């Protein structure tokens, strides 16, 4: 009689098959390889790094503080005479004012996007994964806020509370700016949750929280991350619009939108008051939008 050979015991499997991890890792790796060869990516990244450095460390770039050492006798003078960008209405060094104006615009844009992204991830995961009444409730609330125009809704709220500051303005923009990412996140979760690797994780005993944050989220976040990049530029533009309309930040705060608001009445005689902050605002917003576009192209296999 042939003796039955003992079969080796299979090693316990504690997670999703490695192919899923390799596929997910290769997606981001391939995207990075493609981005490294794109001139638009590096141009946008350099501009945003400089703008971020200006916002984080304004004293490195500006010789004066915000609204500091202003001389009314120098009011509205153009570039030259020791001031690269000239002087504003109060006789403040305009280059220093523009540098300090970057902080409010960029901080609000980034903070609003980060908080809105967190809300979108939580609501999108919960609604898309569990479905049913909970998903219907989240979807209806999202529809209600989605129907409120971003700038118009913010204008109404900010006019009703005139004593607001930068963080109050951030809160208002977060309340009105989370809907698009939430819709996209929900759709991605619904598409991913029925895939084979999620079913395998569930059969191996993984709990709902582990499945959502360990398996579904990493495979669903890429399109939402791209929209978040685009959203930073849109929020900065929206914040500048509110400042320009006179319902956003108020003096003595300094921002690019406020500078445009002050300069609009003097453009014909003193164009430097409007041109310089407009150039910085446009370059920053376009850089976020272009960066989001190239990252989307790199992460979307259908566009390759």
C-alpha atoms as a PDB file:
ATOM      1  CA  UNK A   1       0.000   0.000   0.000  1.00  0.00           C
ATOM      2  CA  UNK A   2       1.116   3.434  -0.847  1.00  0.00           C
ATOM      3  CA  UNK A   3       1.530   5.520   2.197  1.00  0.00           C
ATOM      4  CA  UNK A   4      -0.338   8.788   2.097  1.00  0.00           C
ATOM      5  CA  UNK A   5       2.081  11.646   2.232  1.00  0.00           C
ATOM      6  CA  UNK A   6       1.139  14.361   4.725  1.00  0.00           C
ATOM      7  CA  UNK A   7       0.076  17.513   3.007  1.00  0.00           C
ATOM      8  CA  UNK A   8       1.616  20.777   4.200  1.00  0.00           C
ATOM      9  CA  UNK A   9      -0.792  22.910   6.150  1.00  0.00           C
ATOM     10  CA  UNK A  10      -1.662  26.168   4.383  1.00  0.00           C
ATOM     11  CA  UNK A  11      -0.459  29.307   6.072  1.00  0.00           C
ATOM     12  CA  UNK A  12      -3.272  31.365   7.593  1.00  0.00           C
ATOM     13  CA  UNK A  13      -4.425  34.226   5.421  1.00  0.00           C
ATOM     14  CA  UNK A  14      -5.090  37.391   7.353  1.00  0.00           C
ATOM     15  CA  UNK A  15      -5.755  39.880   4.651  1.00  0.00           C
ATOM     16  CA  UNK A  16      -6.645  40.554   1.059  1.00  0.00           C
ATOM     17  CA  UNK A  17      -4.484  38.811  -1.571  1.00  0.00           C
ATOM     18  CA  UNK A  18      -1.195  40.516  -2.371  1.00  0.00           C
ATOM     19  CA  UNK A  19      -2.257  41.206  -5.949  1.00  0.00           C
ATOM     20  CA  UNK A  20      -4.574  43.905  -4.731  1.00  0.00           C
ATOM     21  CA  UNK A  21      -1.793  45.641  -2.798  1.00  0.00           C
ATOM     22  CA  UNK A  22       0.544  45.388  -5.775  1.00  0.00           C
ATOM     23  CA  UNK A  23      -2.064  46.797  -8.131  1.00  0.00           C
ATOM     24  CA  UNK A  24      -2.808  49.676  -5.823  1.00  0.00           C
ATOM     25  CA  UNK A  25       0.874  50.418  -5.278  1.00  0.00           C
ATOM     26  CA  UNK A  26       1.635  50.250  -8.980  1.00  0.00           C
ATOM     27  CA  UNK A  27      -1.116  52.762  -9.753  1.00  0.00           C
ATOM     28  CA  UNK A  28       0.451  55.468  -7.600  1.00  0.00           C
ATOM     29  CA  UNK A  29       3.969  54.474  -8.664  1.00  0.00           C
ATOM     30  CA  UNK A  30       3.075  54.622 -12.355  1.00  0.00           C
ATOM     31  CA  UNK A  31       1.351  57.956 -11.791  1.00  0.00           C
ATOM     32  CA  UNK A  32       4.476  59.375 -10.147  1.00  0.00           C
ATOM     33  CA  UNK A  33       6.680  58.090 -12.975  1.00  0.00           C
ATOM     34  CA  UNK A  34       4.426  59.813 -15.505  1.00  0.00           C
ATOM     35  CA  UNK A  35       4.192  63.044 -13.505  1.00  0.00           C
ATOM     36  CA  UNK A  36       7.975  63.351 -13.278  1.00  0.00           C
ATOM     37  CA  UNK A  37       8.121  63.796 -17.025  1.00  0.00           C
ATOM     38  CA  UNK A  38       5.448  66.488 -17.243  1.00  0.00           C
ATOM     39  CA  UNK A  39       6.645  70.096 -17.447  1.00  0.00           C
ATOM     40  CA  UNK A  40       3.236  71.355 -16.291  1.00  0.00           C
ATOM     41  CA  UNK A  41       3.537  69.312 -13.101  1.00  0.00           C
ATOM     42  CA  UNK A  42       6.896  70.808 -12.144  1.00  0.00           C
ATOM     43  CA  UNK A  43       5.888  74.338 -13.117  1.00  0.00           C
ATOM     44  CA  UNK A  44       2.713  74.135 -11.020  1.00  0.00           C
ATOM     45  CA  UNK A  45       4.567  72.527  -8.119  1.00  0.00           C
ATOM     46  CA  UNK A  46       7.260  75.229  -8.067  1.00  0.00           C
ATOM     47  CA  UNK A  47       4.679  78.035  -8.093  1.00  0.00           C
ATOM     48  CA  UNK A  48       2.673  76.403  -5.306  1.00  0.00           C
ATOM     49  CA  UNK A  49       5.762  75.756  -3.188  1.00  0.00           C
ATOM     50  CA  UNK A  50       6.721  79.427  -3.487  1.00  0.00           C
ATOM     51  CA  UNK A  51       3.170  80.564  -2.697  1.00  0.00           C
ATOM     52  CA  UNK A  52       3.010  78.179   0.268  1.00  0.00           C
ATOM     53  CA  UNK A  53       6.365  79.427   1.550  1.00  0.00           C
ATOM     54  CA  UNK A  54       5.130  83.019   1.281  1.00  0.00           C
ATOM     55  CA  UNK A  55       2.026  82.099   3.283  1.00  0.00           C
ATOM     56  CA  UNK A  56       3.902  80.124   5.938  1.00  0.00           C
ATOM     57  CA  UNK A  57       6.991  82.330   6.297  1.00  0.00           C
ATOM     58  CA  UNK A  58       6.085  85.836   5.067  1.00  0.00           C
ATOM     59  CA  UNK A  59       8.879  87.495   7.045  1.00  0.00           C
ATOM     60  CA  UNK A  60      11.436  85.658   4.888  1.00  0.00           C
ATOM     61  CA  UNK A  61      10.104  87.347   1.741  1.00  0.00           C
ATOM     62  CA  UNK A  62       8.848  90.713   3.063  1.00  0.00           C
ATOM     63  CA  UNK A  63      10.882  93.417   4.763  1.00  0.00           C
ATOM     64  CA  UNK A  64       7.788  94.898   6.465  1.00  0.00           C
ATOM     65  CA  UNK A  65       4.941  93.393   8.439  1.00  0.00           C
ATOM     66  CA  UNK A  66       1.296  93.764   7.387  1.00  0.00           C
ATOM     67  CA  UNK A  67       0.262  97.446   7.476  1.00  0.00           C
ATOM     68  CA  UNK A  68       3.646  98.322   8.964  1.00  0.00           C
ATOM     69  CA  UNK A  69       5.744 101.477   8.425  1.00  0.00           C
ATOM     70  CA  UNK A  70       3.153 103.026   6.129  1.00  0.00           C
ATOM     71  CA  UNK A  71       3.691 106.608   4.978  1.00  0.00           C
ATOM     72  CA  UNK A  72       0.756 108.471   3.441  1.00  0.00           C
ATOM     73  CA  UNK A  73       3.168 110.724   1.547  1.00  0.00           C
ATOM     74  CA  UNK A  74       4.132 107.659  -0.527  1.00  0.00           C
ATOM     75  CA  UNK A  75       0.482 106.723  -1.181  1.00  0.00           C
ATOM     76  CA  UNK A  76      -0.219 105.107  -4.568  1.00  0.00           C
ATOM     77  CA  UNK A  77       3.284 105.641  -5.922  1.00  0.00           C
ATOM     78  CA  UNK A  78       4.273 103.149  -8.578  1.00  0.00           C
ATOM     79  CA  UNK A  79       7.220 100.739  -8.672  1.00  0.00           C
ATOM     80  CA  UNK A  80      10.618 102.256  -8.029  1.00  0.00           C
ATOM     81  CA  UNK A  81      12.200 104.389  -5.368  1.00  0.00           C
ATOM     82  CA  UNK A  82      13.059 101.454  -3.139  1.00  0.00           C
ATOM     83  CA  UNK A  83       9.713  99.673  -3.525  1.00  0.00           C
ATOM     84  CA  UNK A  84       9.696  96.935  -6.178  1.00  0.00           C
ATOM     85  CA  UNK A  85       5.887  96.935  -6.448  1.00  0.00           C
ATOM     86  CA  UNK A  86       5.303 100.528  -5.363  1.00  0.00           C
ATOM     87  CA  UNK A  87       2.986 101.587  -2.534  1.00  0.00           C
ATOM     88  CA  UNK A  88      -0.709 101.100  -1.728  1.00  0.00           C
ATOM     89  CA  UNK A  89      -3.322 103.675  -0.661  1.00  0.00           C
ATOM     90  CA  UNK A  90      -1.949 103.873   2.883  1.00  0.00           C
ATOM     91  CA  UNK A  91       1.630 104.243   1.655  1.00  0.00           C
ATOM     92  CA  UNK A  92       2.583 100.701   2.689  1.00  0.00           C
ATOM     93  CA  UNK A  93       5.209  98.757   0.765  1.00  0.00           C
ATOM     94  CA  UNK A  94       3.049  96.888  -1.770  1.00  0.00           C
ATOM     95  CA  UNK A  95       5.363  93.894  -2.159  1.00  0.00           C
ATOM     96  CA  UNK A  96       5.202  93.253   1.596  1.00  0.00           C
ATOM     97  CA  UNK A  97       1.418  93.617   1.553  1.00  0.00           C
ATOM     98  CA  UNK A  98       1.079  91.119  -1.300  1.00  0.00           C
ATOM     99  CA  UNK A  99       3.345  88.629   0.464  1.00  0.00           C
ATOM    100  CA  UNK A 100       1.277  88.839   3.656  1.00  0.00           C
ATOM    101  CA  UNK A 101      -1.916  88.651   1.573  1.00  0.00           C
ATOM    102  CA  UNK A 102      -0.938  85.139   0.462  1.00  0.00           C
ATOM    103  CA  UNK A 103      -1.452  83.755   3.974  1.00  0.00           C
ATOM    104  CA  UNK A 104      -5.193  84.411   4.255  1.00  0.00           C
ATOM    105  CA  UNK A 105      -6.005  83.269   0.712  1.00  0.00           C
ATOM    106  CA  UNK A 106      -3.968  80.053   0.800  1.00  0.00           C
ATOM    107  CA  UNK A 107      -4.807  79.144   4.391  1.00  0.00           C
ATOM    108  CA  UNK A 108      -8.535  79.469   3.740  1.00  0.00           C
ATOM    109  CA  UNK A 109      -8.267  77.480   0.495  1.00  0.00           C
ATOM    110  CA  UNK A 110      -6.323  74.630   2.078  1.00  0.00           C
ATOM    111  CA  UNK A 111      -8.292  74.560   5.349  1.00  0.00           C
ATOM    112  CA  UNK A 112     -11.671  74.531   3.611  1.00  0.00           C
ATOM    113  CA  UNK A 113     -10.569  71.715   1.301  1.00  0.00           C
ATOM    114  CA  UNK A 114      -9.107  69.584   4.114  1.00  0.00           C
ATOM    115  CA  UNK A 115     -12.210  69.862   6.308  1.00  0.00           C
ATOM    116  CA  UNK A 116     -14.519  69.286   3.336  1.00  0.00           C
ATOM    117  CA  UNK A 117     -12.465  66.244   2.300  1.00  0.00           C
ATOM    118  CA  UNK A 118     -12.766  64.732   5.779  1.00  0.00           C
ATOM    119  CA  UNK A 119     -16.548  65.240   5.704  1.00  0.00           C
ATOM    120  CA  UNK A 120     -16.731  63.739   2.211  1.00  0.00           C
ATOM    121  CA  UNK A 121     -14.687  60.674   3.184  1.00  0.00           C
ATOM    122  CA  UNK A 122     -16.782  59.939   6.269  1.00  0.00           C
ATOM    123  CA  UNK A 123     -20.206  60.536   4.712  1.00  0.00           C
ATOM    124  CA  UNK A 124     -19.271  58.933   1.393  1.00  0.00           C
ATOM    125  CA  UNK A 125     -17.902  55.810   3.069  1.00  0.00           C
ATOM    126  CA  UNK A 126     -20.829  55.396   5.445  1.00  0.00           C
ATOM    127  CA  UNK A 127     -23.534  56.109   2.878  1.00  0.00           C
ATOM    128  CA  UNK A 128     -21.983  54.135   0.040  1.00  0.00           C
ATOM    129  CA  UNK A 129     -21.064  51.120   2.161  1.00  0.00           C
ATOM    130  CA  UNK A 130     -24.213  50.679   4.232  1.00  0.00           C
ATOM    131  CA  UNK A 131     -26.790  52.045   1.766  1.00  0.00           C
ATOM    132  CA  UNK A 132     -30.462  51.911   2.720  1.00  0.00           C
ATOM    133  CA  UNK A 133     -32.104  54.629   4.812  1.00  0.00           C
ATOM    134  CA  UNK A 134     -28.779  56.023   5.998  1.00  0.00           C
ATOM    135  CA  UNK A 135     -27.558  56.490   2.434  1.00  0.00           C
ATOM    136  CA  UNK A 136     -30.848  58.060   1.397  1.00  0.00           C
ATOM    137  CA  UNK A 137     -30.694  60.537   4.293  1.00  0.00           C
ATOM    138  CA  UNK A 138     -27.084  61.525   3.513  1.00  0.00           C
ATOM    139  CA  UNK A 139     -27.923  61.875  -0.187  1.00  0.00           C
ATOM    140  CA  UNK A 140     -30.928  64.135   0.446  1.00  0.00           C
ATOM    141  CA  UNK A 141     -28.953  66.392   2.802  1.00  0.00           C
ATOM    142  CA  UNK A 142     -26.184  66.539   0.198  1.00  0.00           C
ATOM    143  CA  UNK A 143     -28.717  67.510  -2.475  1.00  0.00           C
ATOM    144  CA  UNK A 144     -30.036  70.345  -0.314  1.00  0.00           C
ATOM    145  CA  UNK A 145     -26.584  71.866   0.219  1.00  0.00           C
ATOM    146  CA  UNK A 146     -25.600  71.166  -3.392  1.00  0.00           C
ATOM    147  CA  UNK A 147     -28.493  73.362  -4.529  1.00  0.00           C
ATOM    148  CA  UNK A 148     -27.121  76.409  -2.669  1.00  0.00           C
ATOM    149  CA  UNK A 149     -24.861  78.525  -4.942  1.00  0.00           C
ATOM    150  CA  UNK A 150     -21.379  78.665  -3.420  1.00  0.00           C
ATOM    151  CA  UNK A 151     -20.610  82.401  -3.679  1.00  0.00           C
ATOM    152  CA  UNK A 152     -24.223  83.564  -3.291  1.00  0.00           C
ATOM    153  CA  UNK A 153     -24.849  81.382  -0.243  1.00  0.00           C
ATOM    154  CA  UNK A 154     -21.608  82.524   1.383  1.00  0.00           C
ATOM    155  CA  UNK A 155     -22.485  86.151   0.636  1.00  0.00           C
ATOM    156  CA  UNK A 156     -25.867  85.861   2.365  1.00  0.00           C
ATOM    157  CA  UNK A 157     -24.375  84.254   5.481  1.00  0.00           C
ATOM    158  CA  UNK A 158     -21.406  86.611   5.722  1.00  0.00           C
ATOM    159  CA  UNK A 159     -23.596  89.705   5.307  1.00  0.00           C
ATOM    160  CA  UNK A 160     -25.829  88.438   8.118  1.00  0.00           C
ATOM    161  CA  UNK A 161     -22.798  88.151  10.434  1.00  0.00           C
ATOM    162  CA  UNK A 162     -20.609  91.185   9.647  1.00  0.00           C
ATOM    163  CA  UNK A 163     -18.179  90.641  12.533  1.00  0.00           C
ATOM    164  CA  UNK A 164     -16.687  87.474  11.039  1.00  0.00           C
ATOM    165  CA  UNK A 165     -12.971  86.705  10.802  1.00  0.00           C
ATOM    166  CA  UNK A 166     -10.862  84.291   8.806  1.00  0.00           C
ATOM    167  CA  UNK A 167     -11.944  81.142  10.668  1.00  0.00           C
ATOM    168  CA  UNK A 168     -15.618  82.079  10.572  1.00  0.00           C
ATOM    169  CA  UNK A 169     -15.275  82.555   6.827  1.00  0.00           C
ATOM    170  CA  UNK A 170     -13.556  79.160   6.595  1.00  0.00           C
ATOM    171  CA  UNK A 171     -16.463  77.525   8.439  1.00  0.00           C
ATOM    172  CA  UNK A 172     -19.011  79.072   6.085  1.00  0.00           C
ATOM    173  CA  UNK A 173     -17.104  77.873   3.009  1.00  0.00           C
ATOM    174  CA  UNK A 174     -16.749  74.361   4.474  1.00  0.00           C
ATOM    175  CA  UNK A 175     -20.491  74.138   5.090  1.00  0.00           C
ATOM    176  CA  UNK A 176     -21.119  75.040   1.441  1.00  0.00           C
ATOM    177  CA  UNK A 177     -18.191  73.210  -0.168  1.00  0.00           C
ATOM    178  CA  UNK A 178     -18.312  69.518   0.822  1.00  0.00           C
ATOM    179  CA  UNK A 179     -21.072  68.259  -1.472  1.00  0.00           C
ATOM    180  CA  UNK A 180     -19.206  67.538  -4.725  1.00  0.00           C
ATOM    181  CA  UNK A 181     -16.509  65.444  -3.065  1.00  0.00           C
ATOM    182  CA  UNK A 182     -19.118  63.597  -1.003  1.00  0.00           C
ATOM    183  CA  UNK A 183     -21.075  62.613  -4.103  1.00  0.00           C
ATOM    184  CA  UNK A 184     -17.932  61.417  -5.834  1.00  0.00           C
ATOM    185  CA  UNK A 185     -16.743  59.500  -2.768  1.00  0.00           C
ATOM    186  CA  UNK A 186     -20.109  57.763  -2.410  1.00  0.00           C
ATOM    187  CA  UNK A 187     -20.074  56.703  -6.051  1.00  0.00           C
ATOM    188  CA  UNK A 188     -16.535  55.346  -5.764  1.00  0.00           C
ATOM    189  CA  UNK A 189     -17.410  53.370  -2.617  1.00  0.00           C
ATOM    190  CA  UNK A 190     -20.456  51.827  -4.300  1.00  0.00           C
ATOM    191  CA  UNK A 191     -18.282  50.797  -7.265  1.00  0.00           C
ATOM    192  CA  UNK A 192     -15.509  49.299  -5.107  1.00  0.00           C
ATOM    193  CA  UNK A 193     -17.461  47.570  -2.325  1.00  0.00           C
ATOM    194  CA  UNK A 194     -18.679  44.722  -4.571  1.00  0.00           C
ATOM    195  CA  UNK A 195     -15.232  43.855  -5.942  1.00  0.00           C
ATOM    196  CA  UNK A 196     -13.673  40.458  -5.296  1.00  0.00           C
ATOM    197  CA  UNK A 197     -10.961  41.597  -2.881  1.00  0.00           C
ATOM    198  CA  UNK A 198     -13.588  43.214  -0.636  1.00  0.00           C
ATOM    199  CA  UNK A 199     -15.634  39.999  -0.656  1.00  0.00           C
ATOM    200  CA  UNK A 200     -12.463  38.046   0.185  1.00  0.00           C
ATOM    201  CA  UNK A 201     -11.712  40.330   3.134  1.00  0.00           C
ATOM    202  CA  UNK A 202     -15.273  39.925   4.379  1.00  0.00           C
ATOM    203  CA  UNK A 203     -15.058  36.110   4.120  1.00  0.00           C
ATOM    204  CA  UNK A 204     -11.806  36.156   6.099  1.00  0.00           C
ATOM    205  CA  UNK A 205     -13.620  37.867   8.948  1.00  0.00           C
ATOM    206  CA  UNK A 206     -12.648  41.515   8.488  1.00  0.00           C
ATOM    207  CA  UNK A 207     -15.015  43.936  10.209  1.00  0.00           C
ATOM    208  CA  UNK A 208     -16.854  46.795   8.553  1.00  0.00           C
ATOM    209  CA  UNK A 209     -14.451  49.437   9.823  1.00  0.00           C
ATOM    210  CA  UNK A 210     -11.401  47.535   8.563  1.00  0.00           C
ATOM    211  CA  UNK A 211     -13.008  46.884   5.192  1.00  0.00           C
ATOM    212  CA  UNK A 212     -13.966  50.532   4.758  1.00  0.00           C
ATOM    213  CA  UNK A 213     -10.680  52.120   5.818  1.00  0.00           C
ATOM    214  CA  UNK A 214      -8.190  49.381   4.875  1.00  0.00           C
ATOM    215  CA  UNK A 215      -9.593  48.111   1.585  1.00  0.00           C
ATOM    216  CA  UNK A 216     -12.284  50.388   0.131  1.00  0.00           C
ATOM    217  CA  UNK A 217     -10.861  53.816   0.982  1.00  0.00           C
ATOM    218  CA  UNK A 218      -7.383  53.348  -0.598  1.00  0.00           C
ATOM    219  CA  UNK A 219      -9.002  52.073  -3.806  1.00  0.00           C
ATOM    220  CA  UNK A 220     -11.646  54.816  -3.968  1.00  0.00           C
ATOM    221  CA  UNK A 221      -9.743  57.923  -2.866  1.00  0.00           C
ATOM    222  CA  UNK A 222      -7.772  58.738  -6.045  1.00  0.00           C
ATOM    223  CA  UNK A 223     -10.545  60.603  -7.968  1.00  0.00           C
ATOM    224  CA  UNK A 224     -11.620  62.393  -4.775  1.00  0.00           C
ATOM    225  CA  UNK A 225      -8.028  63.448  -4.128  1.00  0.00           C
ATOM    226  CA  UNK A 226      -7.839  64.967  -7.607  1.00  0.00           C
ATOM    227  CA  UNK A 227     -11.074  66.896  -7.056  1.00  0.00           C
ATOM    228  CA  UNK A 228      -9.685  68.132  -3.725  1.00  0.00           C
ATOM    229  CA  UNK A 229      -6.676  69.590  -5.561  1.00  0.00           C
ATOM    230  CA  UNK A 230      -8.955  71.378  -7.976  1.00  0.00           C
ATOM    231  CA  UNK A 231     -11.118  72.501  -5.071  1.00  0.00           C
ATOM    232  CA  UNK A 232      -8.262  74.386  -3.397  1.00  0.00           C
ATOM    233  CA  UNK A 233      -7.964  76.649  -6.426  1.00  0.00           C
ATOM    234  CA  UNK A 234     -11.718  77.115  -6.615  1.00  0.00           C
ATOM    235  CA  UNK A 235     -11.950  78.028  -2.920  1.00  0.00           C
ATOM    236  CA  UNK A 236      -9.106  80.543  -3.211  1.00  0.00           C
ATOM    237  CA  UNK A 237     -10.887  82.125  -6.170  1.00  0.00           C
ATOM    238  CA  UNK A 238     -14.182  82.110  -4.238  1.00  0.00           C
ATOM    239  CA  UNK A 239     -12.562  83.678  -1.173  1.00  0.00           C
ATOM    240  CA  UNK A 240     -11.009  86.404  -3.329  1.00  0.00           C
ATOM    241  CA  UNK A 241     -14.395  87.021  -4.956  1.00  0.00           C
ATOM    242  CA  UNK A 242     -16.059  87.476  -1.569  1.00  0.00           C
ATOM    243  CA  UNK A 243     -13.302  89.852  -0.458  1.00  0.00           C
ATOM    244  CA  UNK A 244     -13.623  91.758  -3.726  1.00  0.00           C
ATOM    245  CA  UNK A 245     -17.379  92.110  -3.195  1.00  0.00           C
ATOM    246  CA  UNK A 246     -16.748  93.518   0.276  1.00  0.00           C
ATOM    247  CA  UNK A 247     -18.405  90.703   2.247  1.00  0.00           C
ATOM    248  CA  UNK A 248     -15.287  88.654   3.038  1.00  0.00           C
ATOM    249  CA  UNK A 249     -12.307  89.689   5.131  1.00  0.00           C
ATOM    250  CA  UNK A 250     -12.141  93.282   6.286  1.00  0.00           C
ATOM    251  CA  UNK A 251      -9.339  95.725   7.097  1.00  0.00           C
ATOM    252  CA  UNK A 252      -6.900  95.372   8.900  1.00  0.00           C
ATOM    253  CA  UNK A 253      -6.772  91.838   7.459  1.00  0.00           C
ATOM    254  CA  UNK A 254      -4.656  91.533   4.332  1.00  0.00           C
ATOM    255  CA  UNK A 255      -5.559  89.343   1.365  1.00  0.00           C
ATOM    256  CA  UNK A 256      -5.314  89.423  -2.401  1.00  0.00           C
ATOM    257  CA  UNK A 257      -9.081  89.821  -2.737  1.00  0.00           C
ATOM    258  CA  UNK A 258      -9.090  92.849  -0.426  1.00  0.00           C
ATOM    259  CA  UNK A 259      -6.293  94.420  -2.433  1.00  0.00           C
ATOM    260  CA  UNK A 260      -8.300  93.948  -5.625  1.00  0.00           C
ATOM    261  CA  UNK A 261     -11.332  95.479  -3.926  1.00  0.00           C
ATOM    262  CA  UNK A 262      -9.371  98.604  -2.969  1.00  0.00           C
ATOM    263  CA  UNK A 263      -7.617  98.868  -6.346  1.00  0.00           C
ATOM    264  CA  UNK A 264     -10.717  98.709  -8.562  1.00  0.00           C
ATOM    265  CA  UNK A 265     -11.450 102.421  -8.226  1.00  0.00           C
ATOM    266  CA  UNK A 266      -7.887 103.466  -9.062  1.00  0.00           C
ATOM    267  CA  UNK A 267      -7.017 101.136 -11.930  1.00  0.00           C
ATOM    268  CA  UNK A 268      -6.865 103.828 -14.628  1.00  0.00           C
ATOM    269  CA  UNK A 269      -4.462 106.085 -12.684  1.00  0.00           C
ATOM    270  CA  UNK A 270      -2.569 103.467 -10.658  1.00  0.00           C
ATOM    271  CA  UNK A 271      -2.741 100.115 -12.480  1.00  0.00           C
ATOM    272  CA  UNK A 272      -0.023  98.532 -10.312  1.00  0.00           C
ATOM    273  CA  UNK A 273      -2.502  98.379  -7.410  1.00  0.00           C
ATOM    274  CA  UNK A 274      -4.622  95.845  -9.314  1.00  0.00           C
ATOM    275  CA  UNK A 275      -2.116  94.141 -11.615  1.00  0.00           C
ATOM    276  CA  UNK A 276       0.262  92.721  -9.008  1.00  0.00           C
ATOM    277  CA  UNK A 277      -2.240  91.014  -6.654  1.00  0.00           C
ATOM    278  CA  UNK A 278      -4.203  89.816  -9.688  1.00  0.00           C
ATOM    279  CA  UNK A 279      -1.058  88.158 -11.111  1.00  0.00           C
ATOM    280  CA  UNK A 280      -0.300  86.358  -7.836  1.00  0.00           C
ATOM    281  CA  UNK A 281      -3.913  85.239  -7.415  1.00  0.00           C
ATOM    282  CA  UNK A 282      -4.187  84.024 -11.011  1.00  0.00           C
ATOM    283  CA  UNK A 283      -0.868  82.148 -10.894  1.00  0.00           C
ATOM    284  CA  UNK A 284      -1.811  80.366  -7.647  1.00  0.00           C
ATOM    285  CA  UNK A 285      -5.318  79.366  -8.750  1.00  0.00           C
ATOM    286  CA  UNK A 286      -4.146  78.202 -12.186  1.00  0.00           C
ATOM    287  CA  UNK A 287      -1.344  76.173 -10.603  1.00  0.00           C
ATOM    288  CA  UNK A 288      -3.794  74.257  -8.418  1.00  0.00           C
ATOM    289  CA  UNK A 289      -6.072  73.646 -11.399  1.00  0.00           C
ATOM    290  CA  UNK A 290      -3.244  72.530 -13.694  1.00  0.00           C
ATOM    291  CA  UNK A 291      -1.771  70.303 -10.997  1.00  0.00           C
ATOM    292  CA  UNK A 292      -5.143  68.660 -10.458  1.00  0.00           C
ATOM    293  CA  UNK A 293      -5.514  68.081 -14.200  1.00  0.00           C
ATOM    294  CA  UNK A 294      -2.131  66.391 -14.651  1.00  0.00           C
ATOM    295  CA  UNK A 295      -2.610  64.237 -11.549  1.00  0.00           C
ATOM    296  CA  UNK A 296      -6.034  63.177 -12.843  1.00  0.00           C
ATOM    297  CA  UNK A 297      -4.516  62.235 -16.198  1.00  0.00           C
ATOM    298  CA  UNK A 298      -1.798  60.233 -14.482  1.00  0.00           C
ATOM    299  CA  UNK A 299      -4.170  58.343 -12.175  1.00  0.00           C
ATOM    300  CA  UNK A 300      -6.868  57.577 -14.753  1.00  0.00           C
ATOM    301  CA  UNK A 301      -5.879  54.506 -16.815  1.00  0.00           C
ATOM    302  CA  UNK A 302      -8.565  55.301 -19.391  1.00  0.00           C
ATOM    303  CA  UNK A 303      -6.712  58.478 -20.413  1.00  0.00           C
ATOM    304  CA  UNK A 304      -3.445  56.664 -21.139  1.00  0.00           C
END
